[in-house]
Amino acid sequence: MYILQQVFETHPFEIASYCLMNNHYHLQLRSKEFPISKIMALVNKRYATYFNSRYELTGHVFEKRYFDEPLNSPTNMLEVSRYIHLNPVKANLVYQPSDYPWSSYRYYAVKDPMKKPYLNVHPLVEGYPGTLQEKKKQYCDYVTARQELFLASLLSK
């Protein structure tokens, strides 16, 4: 998160959802000023430098180049964010996405203000009616509806 903050200060971007896992991470981001490839190169380079220094290693940290896909519709935005927010549930790390501390889901699920200047929940909730809190609640209902289907399929096996 510190590295994201550093990169944001010189190369502004917005993140609609994120999830940091133990062996990978997901960022749903956009930038009007810089190519995504430039932002990702900075993030990955800074993390690799930190990691190699911390563990006295050299060489590549990431197995492959980052993957990106343009999301050109609100439906695609919602589907990808749901996938990102349910990643720790599917990995059996938590039962509820709100229990995972390294995810943006908590900014949708609770009334806490956005503590990250690059986090923007509006692209994911703008299609729902009501106040911002009501919109965020409807978004969380959308995410957890898929979670309930996933958990039901596990129980039926």
C-alpha atoms as a PDB file:
ATOM      1  CA  MET A   1       0.000   0.000   0.000  1.00  0.00           C
ATOM      2  CA  TYR A   2       2.926   2.271   0.697  1.00  0.00           C
ATOM      3  CA  ILE A   3       4.270   1.686  -2.804  1.00  0.00           C
ATOM      4  CA  LEU A   4       0.882   2.496  -4.338  1.00  0.00           C
ATOM      5  CA  GLN A   5       0.878   5.756  -2.386  1.00  0.00           C
ATOM      6  CA  GLN A   6       4.370   6.618  -3.627  1.00  0.00           C
ATOM      7  CA  VAL A   7       3.494   5.940  -7.261  1.00  0.00           C
ATOM      8  CA  PHE A   8       0.198   7.820  -6.941  1.00  0.00           C
ATOM      9  CA  GLU A   9       2.042  10.959  -5.822  1.00  0.00           C
ATOM     10  CA  THR A  10       3.991  11.179  -9.098  1.00  0.00           C
ATOM     11  CA  HIS A  11       1.633   9.324 -11.465  1.00  0.00           C
ATOM     12  CA  PRO A  12      -1.995   9.878 -10.380  1.00  0.00           C
ATOM     13  CA  PHE A  13      -4.489   7.051 -10.856  1.00  0.00           C
ATOM     14  CA  GLU A  14      -7.755   5.793  -9.403  1.00  0.00           C
ATOM     15  CA  ILE A  15      -8.441   2.372  -7.952  1.00  0.00           C
ATOM     16  CA  ALA A  16     -12.019   1.078  -7.829  1.00  0.00           C
ATOM     17  CA  SER A  17     -11.067  -2.199  -6.132  1.00  0.00           C
ATOM     18  CA  TYR A  18      -7.954  -3.984  -4.943  1.00  0.00           C
ATOM     19  CA  CYS A  19      -6.958  -7.134  -3.119  1.00  0.00           C
ATOM     20  CA  LEU A  20      -3.484  -8.072  -1.925  1.00  0.00           C
ATOM     21  CA  MET A  21      -3.007 -11.825  -1.640  1.00  0.00           C
ATOM     22  CA  ASN A  22       0.036 -13.711  -0.367  1.00  0.00           C
ATOM     23  CA  ASN A  23       1.322 -14.592  -3.850  1.00  0.00           C
ATOM     24  CA  HIS A  24      -0.374 -12.056  -6.156  1.00  0.00           C
ATOM     25  CA  TYR A  25      -2.469  -8.923  -6.164  1.00  0.00           C
ATOM     26  CA  HIS A  26      -5.385  -7.434  -8.076  1.00  0.00           C
ATOM     27  CA  LEU A  27      -5.819  -3.765  -8.931  1.00  0.00           C
ATOM     28  CA  GLN A  28      -8.806  -2.396 -10.797  1.00  0.00           C
ATOM     29  CA  LEU A  29      -7.360   0.943 -11.790  1.00  0.00           C
ATOM     30  CA  ARG A  30      -7.487   3.693 -14.354  1.00  0.00           C
ATOM     31  CA  SER A  31      -5.485   6.781 -15.102  1.00  0.00           C
ATOM     32  CA  LYS A  32      -6.355   9.713 -17.303  1.00  0.00           C
ATOM     33  CA  GLU A  33      -2.795  11.040 -17.341  1.00  0.00           C
ATOM     34  CA  PHE A  34      -0.506   8.019 -17.672  1.00  0.00           C
ATOM     35  CA  PRO A  35      -0.597   4.659 -19.433  1.00  0.00           C
ATOM     36  CA  ILE A  36      -1.480   1.763 -17.134  1.00  0.00           C
ATOM     37  CA  SER A  37       1.699   0.016 -18.291  1.00  0.00           C
ATOM     38  CA  LYS A  38       3.797   2.881 -16.893  1.00  0.00           C
ATOM     39  CA  ILE A  39       2.013   2.803 -13.525  1.00  0.00           C
ATOM     40  CA  MET A  40       2.309  -0.972 -13.257  1.00  0.00           C
ATOM     41  CA  ALA A  41       5.991  -0.869 -14.230  1.00  0.00           C
ATOM     42  CA  LEU A  42       6.635   1.599 -11.406  1.00  0.00           C
ATOM     43  CA  VAL A  43       4.643  -0.411  -8.852  1.00  0.00           C
ATOM     44  CA  ASN A  44       6.255  -3.719  -9.774  1.00  0.00           C
ATOM     45  CA  LYS A  45       9.772  -2.258  -9.991  1.00  0.00           C
ATOM     46  CA  ARG A  46       9.495  -0.619  -6.581  1.00  0.00           C
ATOM     47  CA  TYR A  47       8.122  -3.780  -5.024  1.00  0.00           C
ATOM     48  CA  ALA A  48      10.840  -5.933  -6.618  1.00  0.00           C
ATOM     49  CA  THR A  49      13.520  -3.542  -5.353  1.00  0.00           C
ATOM     50  CA  TYR A  50      12.035  -3.652  -1.842  1.00  0.00           C
ATOM     51  CA  PHE A  51      11.627  -7.452  -1.867  1.00  0.00           C
ATOM     52  CA  ASN A  52      15.127  -8.172  -3.192  1.00  0.00           C
ATOM     53  CA  SER A  53      16.667  -5.762  -0.691  1.00  0.00           C
ATOM     54  CA  ARG A  54      14.631  -7.103   2.245  1.00  0.00           C
ATOM     55  CA  TYR A  55      15.500 -10.750   1.540  1.00  0.00           C
ATOM     56  CA  GLU A  56      18.988 -10.137   0.082  1.00  0.00           C
ATOM     57  CA  LEU A  57      18.042 -11.516  -3.322  1.00  0.00           C
ATOM     58  CA  THR A  58      18.601 -10.497  -6.917  1.00  0.00           C
ATOM     59  CA  GLY A  59      16.727 -11.043 -10.141  1.00  0.00           C
ATOM     60  CA  HIS A  60      13.079 -11.280 -11.065  1.00  0.00           C
ATOM     61  CA  VAL A  61      10.418 -11.271  -8.366  1.00  0.00           C
ATOM     62  CA  PHE A  62       7.390 -11.683 -10.596  1.00  0.00           C
ATOM     63  CA  GLU A  63       6.907 -14.776 -12.714  1.00  0.00           C
ATOM     64  CA  LYS A  64       5.173 -12.943 -15.565  1.00  0.00           C
ATOM     65  CA  ARG A  65       4.349  -9.470 -16.800  1.00  0.00           C
ATOM     66  CA  TYR A  66       1.180  -7.976 -15.348  1.00  0.00           C
ATOM     67  CA  PHE A  67      -2.119  -8.746 -17.071  1.00  0.00           C
ATOM     68  CA  ASP A  68      -4.550  -6.019 -18.046  1.00  0.00           C
ATOM     69  CA  GLU A  69      -7.904  -5.951 -19.730  1.00  0.00           C
ATOM     70  CA  PRO A  70      -9.965  -2.875 -20.651  1.00  0.00           C
ATOM     71  CA  LEU A  71     -13.314  -2.764 -18.883  1.00  0.00           C
ATOM     72  CA  ASN A  72     -15.641  -0.909 -21.187  1.00  0.00           C
ATOM     73  CA  SER A  73     -18.984  -1.310 -19.456  1.00  0.00           C
ATOM     74  CA  PRO A  74     -20.418  -0.892 -15.964  1.00  0.00           C
ATOM     75  CA  THR A  75     -21.311  -4.602 -15.974  1.00  0.00           C
ATOM     76  CA  ASN A  76     -17.693  -5.577 -16.651  1.00  0.00           C
ATOM     77  CA  MET A  77     -16.513  -3.197 -13.936  1.00  0.00           C
ATOM     78  CA  LEU A  78     -18.863  -4.815 -11.420  1.00  0.00           C
ATOM     79  CA  GLU A  79     -17.968  -8.379 -12.402  1.00  0.00           C
ATOM     80  CA  VAL A  80     -14.239  -7.756 -12.104  1.00  0.00           C
ATOM     81  CA  SER A  81     -14.573  -5.977  -8.775  1.00  0.00           C
ATOM     82  CA  ARG A  82     -16.702  -8.819  -7.418  1.00  0.00           C
ATOM     83  CA  TYR A  83     -14.042 -11.310  -8.533  1.00  0.00           C
ATOM     84  CA  ILE A  84     -11.358  -9.215  -6.831  1.00  0.00           C
ATOM     85  CA  HIS A  85     -13.285  -8.829  -3.589  1.00  0.00           C
ATOM     86  CA  LEU A  86     -14.201 -12.519  -3.407  1.00  0.00           C
ATOM     87  CA  ASN A  87     -10.648 -13.721  -4.076  1.00  0.00           C
ATOM     88  CA  PRO A  88      -9.793 -14.255  -0.368  1.00  0.00           C
ATOM     89  CA  VAL A  89     -13.082 -16.129   0.153  1.00  0.00           C
ATOM     90  CA  LYS A  90     -12.396 -18.436  -2.783  1.00  0.00           C
ATOM     91  CA  ALA A  91      -8.877 -19.027  -1.439  1.00  0.00           C
ATOM     92  CA  ASN A  92     -10.425 -20.110   1.888  1.00  0.00           C
ATOM     93  CA  LEU A  93      -8.660 -17.350   3.802  1.00  0.00           C
ATOM     94  CA  VAL A  94     -11.871 -15.804   5.188  1.00  0.00           C
ATOM     95  CA  TYR A  95     -15.596 -16.531   5.176  1.00  0.00           C
ATOM     96  CA  GLN A  96     -16.682 -12.983   4.363  1.00  0.00           C
ATOM     97  CA  PRO A  97     -14.898 -10.490   2.110  1.00  0.00           C
ATOM     98  CA  SER A  98     -15.289  -7.878   4.860  1.00  0.00           C
ATOM     99  CA  ASP A  99     -13.038 -10.032   7.098  1.00  0.00           C
ATOM    100  CA  TYR A 100     -10.038  -9.656   4.796  1.00  0.00           C
ATOM    101  CA  PRO A 101      -7.947  -6.611   5.810  1.00  0.00           C
ATOM    102  CA  TRP A 102      -5.924  -6.267   2.583  1.00  0.00           C
ATOM    103  CA  SER A 103      -8.834  -5.503   0.298  1.00  0.00           C
ATOM    104  CA  SER A 104     -10.820  -2.421  -0.657  1.00  0.00           C
ATOM    105  CA  TYR A 105     -14.073  -4.215   0.171  1.00  0.00           C
ATOM    106  CA  ARG A 106     -14.135  -2.712   3.662  1.00  0.00           C
ATOM    107  CA  TYR A 107     -14.487   0.773   2.158  1.00  0.00           C
ATOM    108  CA  TYR A 108     -17.716  -0.379   0.570  1.00  0.00           C
ATOM    109  CA  ALA A 109     -18.985  -2.373   3.561  1.00  0.00           C
ATOM    110  CA  VAL A 110     -18.483   0.145   6.353  1.00  0.00           C
ATOM    111  CA  LYS A 111     -19.121   3.817   6.840  1.00  0.00           C
ATOM    112  CA  ASP A 112     -15.443   4.653   7.201  1.00  0.00           C
ATOM    113  CA  PRO A 113     -14.265   7.470   4.974  1.00  0.00           C
ATOM    114  CA  MET A 114     -11.909   6.676   2.125  1.00  0.00           C
ATOM    115  CA  LYS A 115      -8.473   6.647   3.692  1.00  0.00           C
ATOM    116  CA  LYS A 116      -6.626   6.224   0.427  1.00  0.00           C
ATOM    117  CA  PRO A 117      -6.517   9.247  -1.906  1.00  0.00           C
ATOM    118  CA  TYR A 118      -6.399   7.004  -4.960  1.00  0.00           C
ATOM    119  CA  LEU A 119      -9.441   4.918  -3.980  1.00  0.00           C
ATOM    120  CA  ASN A 120     -12.626   5.886  -5.826  1.00  0.00           C
ATOM    121  CA  VAL A 121     -15.756   3.842  -5.089  1.00  0.00           C
ATOM    122  CA  HIS A 122     -18.000   5.925  -7.354  1.00  0.00           C
ATOM    123  CA  PRO A 123     -17.394   4.011 -10.617  1.00  0.00           C
ATOM    124  CA  LEU A 124     -18.739   0.834  -9.008  1.00  0.00           C
ATOM    125  CA  VAL A 125     -21.718   2.327  -7.175  1.00  0.00           C
ATOM    126  CA  GLU A 126     -22.877   5.045  -9.555  1.00  0.00           C
ATOM    127  CA  GLY A 127     -25.504   2.796 -11.166  1.00  0.00           C
ATOM    128  CA  TYR A 128     -27.328   2.155  -7.893  1.00  0.00           C
ATOM    129  CA  PRO A 129     -30.043   4.497  -6.584  1.00  0.00           C
ATOM    130  CA  GLY A 130     -29.953   6.361  -3.273  1.00  0.00           C
ATOM    131  CA  THR A 131     -27.356   7.992  -1.076  1.00  0.00           C
ATOM    132  CA  LEU A 132     -23.706   6.963  -1.210  1.00  0.00           C
ATOM    133  CA  GLN A 133     -24.212   4.679   1.808  1.00  0.00           C
ATOM    134  CA  GLU A 134     -27.248   3.051   0.173  1.00  0.00           C
ATOM    135  CA  LYS A 135     -25.317   2.573  -3.070  1.00  0.00           C
ATOM    136  CA  LYS A 136     -22.404   0.967  -1.231  1.00  0.00           C
ATOM    137  CA  LYS A 137     -24.800  -1.374   0.578  1.00  0.00           C
ATOM    138  CA  GLN A 138     -26.349  -2.453  -2.735  1.00  0.00           C
ATOM    139  CA  TYR A 139     -22.875  -3.067  -4.156  1.00  0.00           C
ATOM    140  CA  CYS A 140     -22.012  -5.246  -1.137  1.00  0.00           C
ATOM    141  CA  ASP A 141     -25.274  -7.160  -1.645  1.00  0.00           C
ATOM    142  CA  TYR A 142     -24.230  -7.733  -5.265  1.00  0.00           C
ATOM    143  CA  VAL A 143     -20.844  -9.130  -4.173  1.00  0.00           C
ATOM    144  CA  THR A 144     -22.177 -11.337  -1.398  1.00  0.00           C
ATOM    145  CA  ALA A 145     -24.962 -12.752  -3.575  1.00  0.00           C
ATOM    146  CA  ARG A 146     -22.261 -14.433  -5.684  1.00  0.00           C
ATOM    147  CA  GLN A 147     -20.454 -15.486  -2.523  1.00  0.00           C
ATOM    148  CA  GLU A 148     -23.576 -17.260  -1.285  1.00  0.00           C
ATOM    149  CA  LEU A 149     -23.859 -19.138  -4.586  1.00  0.00           C
ATOM    150  CA  PHE A 150     -20.197 -20.131  -4.360  1.00  0.00           C
ATOM    151  CA  LEU A 151     -20.548 -21.365  -0.770  1.00  0.00           C
ATOM    152  CA  ALA A 152     -23.733 -23.274  -1.634  1.00  0.00           C
ATOM    153  CA  SER A 153     -21.924 -25.075  -4.469  1.00  0.00           C
ATOM    154  CA  LEU A 154     -19.152 -26.108  -2.047  1.00  0.00           C
ATOM    155  CA  LEU A 155     -21.638 -27.490   0.444  1.00  0.00           C
ATOM    156  CA  SER A 156     -23.445 -29.528  -2.216  1.00  0.00           C
ATOM    157  CA  LYS A 157     -20.260 -31.400  -3.167  1.00  0.00           C
END
